[in-house]
Amino acid sequence: MGHHSAKSDLIGRSTQNMRVAVIGGGLVGLSTALYITESLPQCTVTVISEKFSPNTTGDVAAGSLIPHTYPDTPLHHQKDWFKETFDYLFKIANSPEAAVAGVSLISGWQVFKMPPKDAFPFWGSVVLGFRLMTEAELAKFPSYTFGQAFTTLKCQSSLYLPWMEKRFKMNGGHIETRKVHDIWELHGSYDVVMNCTGLGARDLIGDMTVFPVRGQVLEVHAPWLKHFIRDVDGSTYIYPGQDGVTLGGTREVDDWSLLPVAQTSKEIIHRCSNLEPSLHGVAVIKEKVGLRPTRAAVRIEQEILCKNKQQLPTIHNYGHGGGGFSVHRGTAKAATELLVKLIPFKTDFYCKSKL
């Protein structure tokens, strides 16, 4: 890391004392804030959020790195973001930090009733040991005709989110627990705002193209399970973790309810027991619900907001849906690259807004 170039010195001088506010203390906000403090240490970074772990959407997620495809985001971007995130977490998994950060390798199977159009997905070359399942492996899943086997990474969100927050503070970052009602509240106190508000972008900046996809999951006590199993078509999945096994799930579009539904929990156990018969009669530790901030494309974009001839340079990084863990480090990097591009124009913004 000690390598220093003329370019980084240039960046260093021009970002002197640049004050950056990151709105949103979830997975995307924290990883963006952490990335900025690591790559642009001259910036003063403050994360402002009403909620932090354990009360964020990311805390409900199983945290496994298996990309969800964003229909309107170019595939090469999705692959870059995934590879950046995978490589970063792989280093952590192979370091003394692994246990405290909650990052580990996990192997398993992804099964299909019918073979998918793309037997070798774009991310297959990034995960470890990707291959098609053998006849003998498929025999474990009698109702399925096709499957993929691979090893990927898993973040235990209850450990990983606080770990990131701690690293961010060690790098000189600040945390403020409050709700930002209007983005212009930050004008004057900060030079640039990073908008990592997920579903909050609807209220904060009026982006109605981001919507909730409700997910209910269960944490159960099944320490004998060591492999993940995912039925891609049926939204059914089993992810062993450090404290329990996450069973899911649901994908309920435009459902804002955060209350678990007992009948849904029964259905999840039923579906998961069909995939893994040893789960029959399993003890439920807790039920959890999260609202995935879904959008046709992840929004990573700069925008100069204007009001009464005042300007507020803003960088958006939100709309990760159910795939945030798979790309969070890559999108943090992409958003930070936009921040670097803003720096030379710090004194000379012009007003132009697009959504």
Protein backbone atom coordinates (compact mmCIF):
# COMPACT_ATOMS: atom_id res chain seq x y z
CA MET A 1 0.00 0.00 0.00
CA GLY A 2 3.05 2.27 0.51
CA HIS A 3 3.31 3.09 -3.23
CA HIS A 4 2.77 6.79 -3.82
CA SER A 5 2.32 8.36 -7.24
CA ALA A 6 2.24 11.96 -8.43
CA LYS A 7 -1.41 11.44 -9.26
CA SER A 8 -2.32 10.51 -5.67
CA ASP A 9 -0.41 13.57 -4.43
CA LEU A 10 -2.46 15.70 -6.78
CA ILE A 11 -5.65 14.13 -5.50
CA GLY A 12 -4.34 14.62 -1.97
CA ARG A 13 -3.85 18.35 -2.38
CA SER A 14 -7.16 19.00 -4.06
CA THR A 15 -9.23 17.02 -1.54
CA GLN A 16 -7.68 18.83 1.39
CA ASN A 17 -10.42 19.34 3.97
CA MET A 18 -13.19 18.18 1.67
CA ARG A 19 -16.18 17.52 3.91
CA VAL A 20 -18.26 14.55 2.83
CA ALA A 21 -21.62 13.51 4.31
CA VAL A 22 -22.80 9.96 3.69
CA ILE A 23 -26.55 9.62 4.29
CA GLY A 24 -27.44 6.06 5.25
CA GLY A 25 -25.81 3.80 7.85
CA GLY A 26 -26.61 0.44 6.29
CA LEU A 27 -24.38 -1.88 4.28
CA VAL A 28 -24.02 0.48 1.31
CA GLY A 29 -23.56 3.67 3.34
CA LEU A 30 -20.96 2.17 5.67
CA SER A 31 -18.97 0.51 2.90
CA THR A 32 -19.00 3.74 0.85
CA ALA A 33 -17.86 5.79 3.85
CA LEU A 34 -15.15 3.26 4.71
CA TYR A 35 -13.89 3.19 1.12
CA ILE A 36 -13.61 7.00 1.05
CA THR A 37 -11.61 7.07 4.31
CA GLU A 38 -9.28 4.36 2.98
CA SER A 39 -8.65 5.87 -0.45
CA LEU A 40 -9.01 9.62 0.25
CA PRO A 41 -7.78 10.02 3.84
CA GLN A 42 -7.76 13.83 3.49
CA CYS A 43 -11.57 13.89 3.30
CA THR A 44 -13.53 14.36 6.52
CA VAL A 45 -16.35 11.83 6.33
CA THR A 46 -19.52 11.77 8.45
CA VAL A 47 -22.18 9.06 8.21
CA ILE A 48 -25.63 10.41 9.10
CA SER A 49 -28.37 7.85 9.63
CA GLU A 50 -31.45 7.24 11.70
CA LYS A 51 -30.55 3.54 11.98
CA PHE A 52 -27.40 1.48 12.30
CA SER A 53 -26.81 -2.24 12.85
CA PRO A 54 -28.64 -4.27 14.13
CA ASN A 55 -31.62 -2.28 12.76
CA THR A 56 -30.81 -2.08 9.04
CA THR A 57 -32.02 -4.06 6.03
CA GLY A 58 -28.57 -5.67 5.77
CA ASP A 59 -29.02 -7.18 9.23
CA VAL A 60 -31.86 -9.34 7.89
CA ALA A 61 -29.89 -10.60 4.88
CA ALA A 62 -28.09 -13.94 4.86
CA GLY A 63 -25.09 -12.06 3.43
CA SER A 64 -24.05 -14.67 0.86
CA LEU A 65 -22.25 -13.52 -2.25
CA ILE A 66 -24.41 -14.78 -5.11
CA PRO A 67 -25.21 -11.90 -7.48
CA HIS A 68 -28.74 -10.87 -8.36
CA THR A 69 -28.90 -9.53 -11.91
CA TYR A 70 -29.96 -5.89 -12.38
CA PRO A 71 -31.81 -5.78 -15.73
CA ASP A 72 -30.79 -2.18 -16.60
CA THR A 73 -27.17 -2.27 -15.38
CA PRO A 74 -24.57 -3.36 -17.97
CA LEU A 75 -23.28 -6.86 -17.13
CA HIS A 76 -19.63 -5.81 -17.25
CA HIS A 77 -20.31 -3.31 -14.44
CA GLN A 78 -22.07 -6.00 -12.39
CA LYS A 79 -19.15 -8.36 -12.89
CA ASP A 80 -16.59 -5.67 -11.95
CA TRP A 81 -18.51 -4.79 -8.78
CA PHE A 82 -18.86 -8.43 -7.83
CA LYS A 83 -15.19 -9.23 -8.45
CA GLU A 84 -14.04 -6.18 -6.47
CA THR A 85 -16.29 -7.22 -3.56
CA PHE A 86 -15.33 -10.90 -3.72
CA ASP A 87 -11.58 -10.18 -3.83
CA TYR A 88 -11.86 -7.74 -0.91
CA LEU A 89 -13.82 -10.17 1.28
CA PHE A 90 -11.62 -13.11 0.25
CA LYS A 91 -8.61 -11.22 1.66
CA ILE A 92 -10.51 -10.64 4.92
CA ALA A 93 -11.55 -14.32 5.05
CA ASN A 94 -7.86 -15.24 4.80
CA SER A 95 -6.75 -12.83 7.51
CA PRO A 96 -6.70 -12.76 11.33
CA GLU A 97 -9.71 -10.41 11.07
CA ALA A 98 -11.97 -13.10 9.57
CA ALA A 99 -13.69 -14.20 12.79
CA VAL A 100 -14.34 -10.72 14.18
CA ALA A 101 -15.47 -9.41 10.75
CA GLY A 102 -17.79 -12.40 10.32
CA VAL A 103 -16.46 -13.25 6.84
CA SER A 104 -16.03 -16.88 5.83
CA LEU A 105 -16.08 -19.24 2.86
CA ILE A 106 -19.19 -21.33 2.26
CA SER A 107 -19.79 -24.09 -0.29
CA GLY A 108 -23.03 -25.41 -1.61
CA TRP A 109 -25.48 -25.96 -4.41
CA GLN A 110 -27.84 -23.93 -6.53
CA VAL A 111 -30.57 -26.15 -8.00
CA PHE A 112 -33.09 -25.72 -10.84
CA LYS A 113 -36.25 -27.54 -11.91
CA MET A 114 -35.29 -26.81 -15.52
CA PRO A 115 -31.81 -25.92 -16.80
CA PRO A 116 -31.39 -22.11 -16.98
CA LYS A 117 -30.63 -20.32 -20.25
CA ASP A 118 -27.21 -19.52 -18.87
CA ALA A 119 -25.65 -22.63 -17.30
CA PHE A 120 -22.43 -20.64 -16.70
CA PRO A 121 -23.46 -17.22 -15.29
CA PHE A 122 -21.28 -14.10 -15.58
CA TRP A 123 -20.08 -14.49 -11.98
CA GLY A 124 -19.12 -18.17 -12.33
CA SER A 125 -15.48 -17.28 -13.03
CA VAL A 126 -15.26 -15.12 -9.88
CA VAL A 127 -16.48 -17.59 -7.22
CA LEU A 128 -14.28 -20.57 -6.40
CA GLY A 129 -14.53 -23.95 -8.12
CA PHE A 130 -17.70 -23.25 -10.11
CA ARG A 131 -18.95 -26.40 -11.89
CA LEU A 132 -22.14 -28.18 -12.86
CA MET A 133 -23.46 -30.67 -10.30
CA THR A 134 -22.88 -34.37 -10.85
CA GLU A 135 -25.65 -36.98 -11.16
CA ALA A 136 -24.72 -38.22 -7.67
CA GLU A 137 -25.13 -34.75 -6.17
CA LEU A 138 -28.43 -34.18 -7.98
CA ALA A 139 -29.72 -37.44 -6.48
CA LYS A 140 -29.98 -35.52 -3.19
CA PHE A 141 -32.61 -33.27 -4.86
CA PRO A 142 -35.12 -35.57 -6.59
CA SER A 143 -37.39 -32.81 -7.93
CA TYR A 144 -34.53 -30.95 -9.62
CA THR A 145 -32.94 -31.67 -13.00
CA PHE A 146 -29.96 -29.30 -12.99
CA GLY A 147 -27.59 -27.64 -10.55
CA GLN A 148 -24.41 -25.68 -10.00
CA ALA A 149 -21.84 -26.23 -7.24
CA PHE A 150 -19.39 -23.60 -6.02
CA THR A 151 -17.73 -21.99 -3.03
CA THR A 152 -18.47 -18.36 -2.26
CA LEU A 153 -18.19 -15.96 0.68
CA LYS A 154 -20.65 -15.16 3.43
CA CYS A 155 -20.82 -12.11 5.70
CA GLN A 156 -22.41 -12.53 9.10
CA SER A 157 -24.10 -9.12 9.06
CA SER A 158 -24.37 -8.89 12.87
CA LEU A 159 -20.54 -8.93 12.93
CA TYR A 160 -19.62 -7.44 9.56
CA LEU A 161 -21.59 -4.18 9.84
CA PRO A 162 -20.20 -3.25 13.31
CA TRP A 163 -16.72 -4.26 12.08
CA MET A 164 -16.98 -1.81 9.17
CA GLU A 165 -18.28 0.90 11.49
CA LYS A 166 -15.32 0.36 13.82
CA ARG A 167 -12.79 0.50 10.94
CA PHE A 168 -14.45 3.68 9.67
CA LYS A 169 -14.12 5.33 13.10
CA MET A 170 -10.48 4.15 13.38
CA ASN A 171 -9.86 5.97 10.08
CA GLY A 172 -11.18 9.20 11.64
CA GLY A 173 -14.77 8.92 10.40
CA HIS A 174 -17.70 10.38 12.34
CA ILE A 175 -21.16 8.93 13.03
CA GLU A 176 -24.32 10.95 13.63
CA THR A 177 -27.57 9.24 14.57
CA ARG A 178 -30.41 11.32 13.15
CA LYS A 179 -32.81 11.40 10.25
CA VAL A 180 -32.07 13.76 7.36
CA HIS A 181 -35.49 15.13 6.36
CA ASP A 182 -34.22 17.36 3.57
CA ILE A 183 -30.91 16.91 1.75
CA TRP A 184 -30.46 20.73 1.77
CA GLU A 185 -30.05 20.61 5.57
CA LEU A 186 -26.48 19.52 4.79
CA HIS A 187 -25.70 22.46 2.51
CA GLY A 188 -22.94 24.64 3.93
CA SER A 189 -21.76 22.04 6.45
CA TYR A 190 -20.56 19.62 3.75
CA ASP A 191 -18.97 19.98 0.31
CA VAL A 192 -20.40 16.75 -1.13
CA VAL A 193 -23.27 14.48 -0.12
CA MET A 194 -23.21 10.73 -0.80
CA ASN A 195 -26.80 9.50 -0.97
CA CYS A 196 -26.85 5.85 0.21
CA THR A 197 -30.42 5.89 1.51
CA GLY A 198 -31.86 2.84 -0.29
CA LEU A 199 -35.65 3.03 -0.05
CA GLY A 200 -35.23 6.41 1.69
CA ALA A 201 -34.39 7.89 -1.74
CA ARG A 202 -38.14 7.97 -2.44
CA ASP A 203 -38.72 10.61 0.25
CA LEU A 204 -35.32 12.29 0.21
CA ILE A 205 -34.96 12.94 -3.52
CA GLY A 206 -38.32 11.81 -4.91
CA ASP A 207 -37.04 8.76 -6.81
CA MET A 208 -40.17 6.62 -7.17
CA THR A 209 -38.38 4.06 -9.34
CA VAL A 210 -36.97 2.45 -6.16
CA PHE A 211 -39.51 0.20 -4.45
CA PRO A 212 -39.57 -2.38 -1.64
CA VAL A 213 -39.42 -6.13 -2.20
CA ARG A 214 -40.29 -7.61 1.16
CA GLY A 215 -38.29 -10.60 2.38
CA GLN A 216 -39.19 -12.73 5.37
CA VAL A 217 -36.59 -15.15 6.72
CA LEU A 218 -36.20 -17.43 9.71
CA GLU A 219 -33.17 -18.17 11.77
CA VAL A 220 -33.23 -21.78 12.95
CA HIS A 221 -31.07 -24.03 15.07
CA ALA A 222 -29.58 -26.63 12.68
CA PRO A 223 -25.86 -26.87 13.43
CA TRP A 224 -25.51 -30.06 11.38
CA LEU A 225 -26.03 -28.15 8.12
CA LYS A 226 -22.75 -27.03 6.55
CA HIS A 227 -23.70 -26.33 2.90
CA PHE A 228 -25.91 -23.66 1.40
CA ILE A 229 -28.77 -24.83 -0.81
CA ARG A 230 -30.64 -22.44 -3.10
CA ASP A 231 -33.65 -23.14 -5.29
CA VAL A 232 -33.29 -20.27 -7.73
CA ASP A 233 -36.79 -20.48 -9.21
CA GLY A 234 -38.67 -20.87 -5.93
CA SER A 235 -36.98 -18.15 -3.81
CA THR A 236 -36.19 -20.94 -1.34
CA TYR A 237 -32.79 -20.97 0.32
CA ILE A 238 -30.85 -22.39 3.25
CA TYR A 239 -27.71 -20.55 4.40
CA PRO A 240 -25.75 -21.88 7.38
CA GLY A 241 -24.20 -19.09 9.47
CA GLN A 242 -22.20 -18.75 12.68
CA ASP A 243 -25.18 -18.44 15.05
CA GLY A 244 -27.91 -20.25 13.18
CA VAL A 245 -29.12 -21.23 9.74
CA THR A 246 -31.06 -18.68 7.67
CA LEU A 247 -34.11 -20.11 5.88
CA GLY A 248 -35.94 -18.11 3.24
CA GLY A 249 -37.59 -16.55 1.73
CA THR A 250 -40.16 -14.33 0.09
CA ARG A 251 -40.15 -11.69 -2.67
CA GLU A 252 -43.21 -9.51 -2.11
CA VAL A 253 -43.18 -6.48 -4.39
CA ASP A 254 -44.41 -3.15 -2.95
CA ASP A 255 -45.18 -4.71 0.44
CA TRP A 256 -44.04 -2.33 3.20
CA SER A 257 -44.93 -4.50 6.21
CA LEU A 258 -42.08 -5.25 8.61
CA LEU A 259 -44.16 -7.64 10.72
CA PRO A 260 -43.46 -11.37 10.29
CA VAL A 261 -46.44 -13.44 9.12
CA ALA A 262 -46.82 -16.77 10.95
CA GLN A 263 -48.32 -18.53 7.91
CA THR A 264 -45.37 -17.37 5.77
CA SER A 265 -42.93 -18.84 8.30
CA LYS A 266 -44.73 -22.20 8.07
CA GLU A 267 -44.52 -22.09 4.27
CA ILE A 268 -40.80 -21.25 4.38
CA ILE A 269 -40.10 -24.21 6.70
CA HIS A 270 -42.20 -26.46 4.45
CA ARG A 271 -40.32 -25.40 1.29
CA CYS A 272 -36.91 -25.64 2.96
CA SER A 273 -37.75 -29.10 4.40
CA ASN A 274 -38.54 -30.27 0.88
CA LEU A 275 -35.05 -29.21 -0.15
CA GLU A 276 -33.39 -30.50 3.05
CA PRO A 277 -35.51 -33.13 4.85
CA SER A 278 -33.42 -32.90 8.05
CA LEU A 279 -35.11 -29.54 8.70
CA HIS A 280 -38.46 -31.16 9.56
CA GLY A 281 -39.41 -30.07 13.08
CA VAL A 282 -36.47 -27.66 13.37
CA ALA A 283 -36.46 -25.10 16.24
CA VAL A 284 -37.00 -21.49 15.13
CA ILE A 285 -34.71 -18.96 16.85
CA LYS A 286 -36.29 -15.86 15.30
CA GLU A 287 -38.30 -14.47 12.41
CA LYS A 288 -36.95 -11.44 10.52
CA VAL A 289 -38.31 -9.16 7.81
CA GLY A 290 -36.41 -6.77 5.54
CA LEU A 291 -37.41 -4.51 2.67
CA ARG A 292 -34.99 -4.78 -0.24
CA PRO A 293 -34.50 -1.37 -1.94
CA THR A 294 -35.11 -2.56 -5.49
CA ARG A 295 -34.55 -0.72 -8.76
CA ALA A 296 -34.08 -1.82 -12.39
CA ALA A 297 -30.50 -0.54 -12.12
CA VAL A 298 -28.30 0.34 -9.17
CA ARG A 299 -28.04 4.12 -9.27
CA ILE A 300 -24.41 5.26 -9.12
CA GLU A 301 -24.42 8.75 -10.50
CA GLN A 302 -23.35 12.27 -9.71
CA GLU A 303 -25.86 15.10 -9.69
CA ILE A 304 -25.43 18.77 -8.86
CA LEU A 305 -28.60 19.74 -6.98
CA CYS A 306 -29.58 23.40 -7.37
CA LYS A 307 -31.81 25.65 -5.32
CA ASN A 308 -31.89 29.47 -5.21
CA LYS A 309 -28.60 29.56 -7.14
CA GLN A 310 -27.03 27.40 -4.42
CA GLN A 311 -25.42 24.12 -5.44
CA LEU A 312 -25.13 20.82 -3.62
CA PRO A 313 -22.90 18.25 -5.32
CA THR A 314 -24.43 14.82 -4.70
CA ILE A 315 -23.35 11.29 -5.56
CA HIS A 316 -26.01 8.60 -5.53
CA ASN A 317 -25.31 4.98 -4.59
CA TYR A 318 -28.54 3.09 -3.92
CA GLY A 319 -31.05 0.60 -5.32
CA HIS A 320 -29.10 -2.62 -4.65
CA GLY A 321 -32.22 -4.73 -4.03
CA GLY A 322 -31.45 -8.19 -2.65
CA GLY A 323 -27.90 -8.18 -4.06
CA GLY A 324 -26.19 -5.61 -1.86
CA PHE A 325 -23.74 -7.95 -0.16
CA SER A 326 -22.55 -9.27 -3.54
CA VAL A 327 -21.56 -5.84 -4.88
CA HIS A 328 -21.27 -3.44 -1.92
CA ARG A 329 -17.48 -2.97 -2.07
CA GLY A 330 -17.51 -2.59 -5.86
CA THR A 331 -20.26 0.03 -5.82
CA ALA A 332 -18.48 1.87 -2.97
CA LYS A 333 -15.41 2.05 -5.19
CA ALA A 334 -17.45 3.27 -8.20
CA ALA A 335 -19.12 5.99 -6.08
CA THR A 336 -15.73 7.07 -4.67
CA GLU A 337 -14.33 7.33 -8.22
CA LEU A 338 -17.15 9.81 -8.97
CA LEU A 339 -16.14 11.75 -5.86
CA VAL A 340 -12.53 11.96 -7.12
CA LYS A 341 -13.81 13.32 -10.46
CA LEU A 342 -15.76 16.05 -8.64
CA ILE A 343 -12.67 17.30 -6.85
CA PRO A 344 -11.06 19.39 -9.65
CA PHE A 345 -14.41 21.17 -10.15
CA LYS A 346 -14.97 21.81 -6.46
CA THR A 347 -15.17 25.58 -7.04
CA ASP A 348 -16.95 25.46 -10.38
CA PHE A 349 -20.14 23.40 -10.38
CA TYR A 350 -22.91 24.11 -12.81
CA CYS A 351 -26.58 23.32 -12.36
CA LYS A 352 -27.95 20.36 -14.22
CA SER A 353 -30.25 17.75 -12.81
CA LYS A 354 -31.18 14.37 -14.19
CA LEU A 355 -32.90 11.39 -12.66
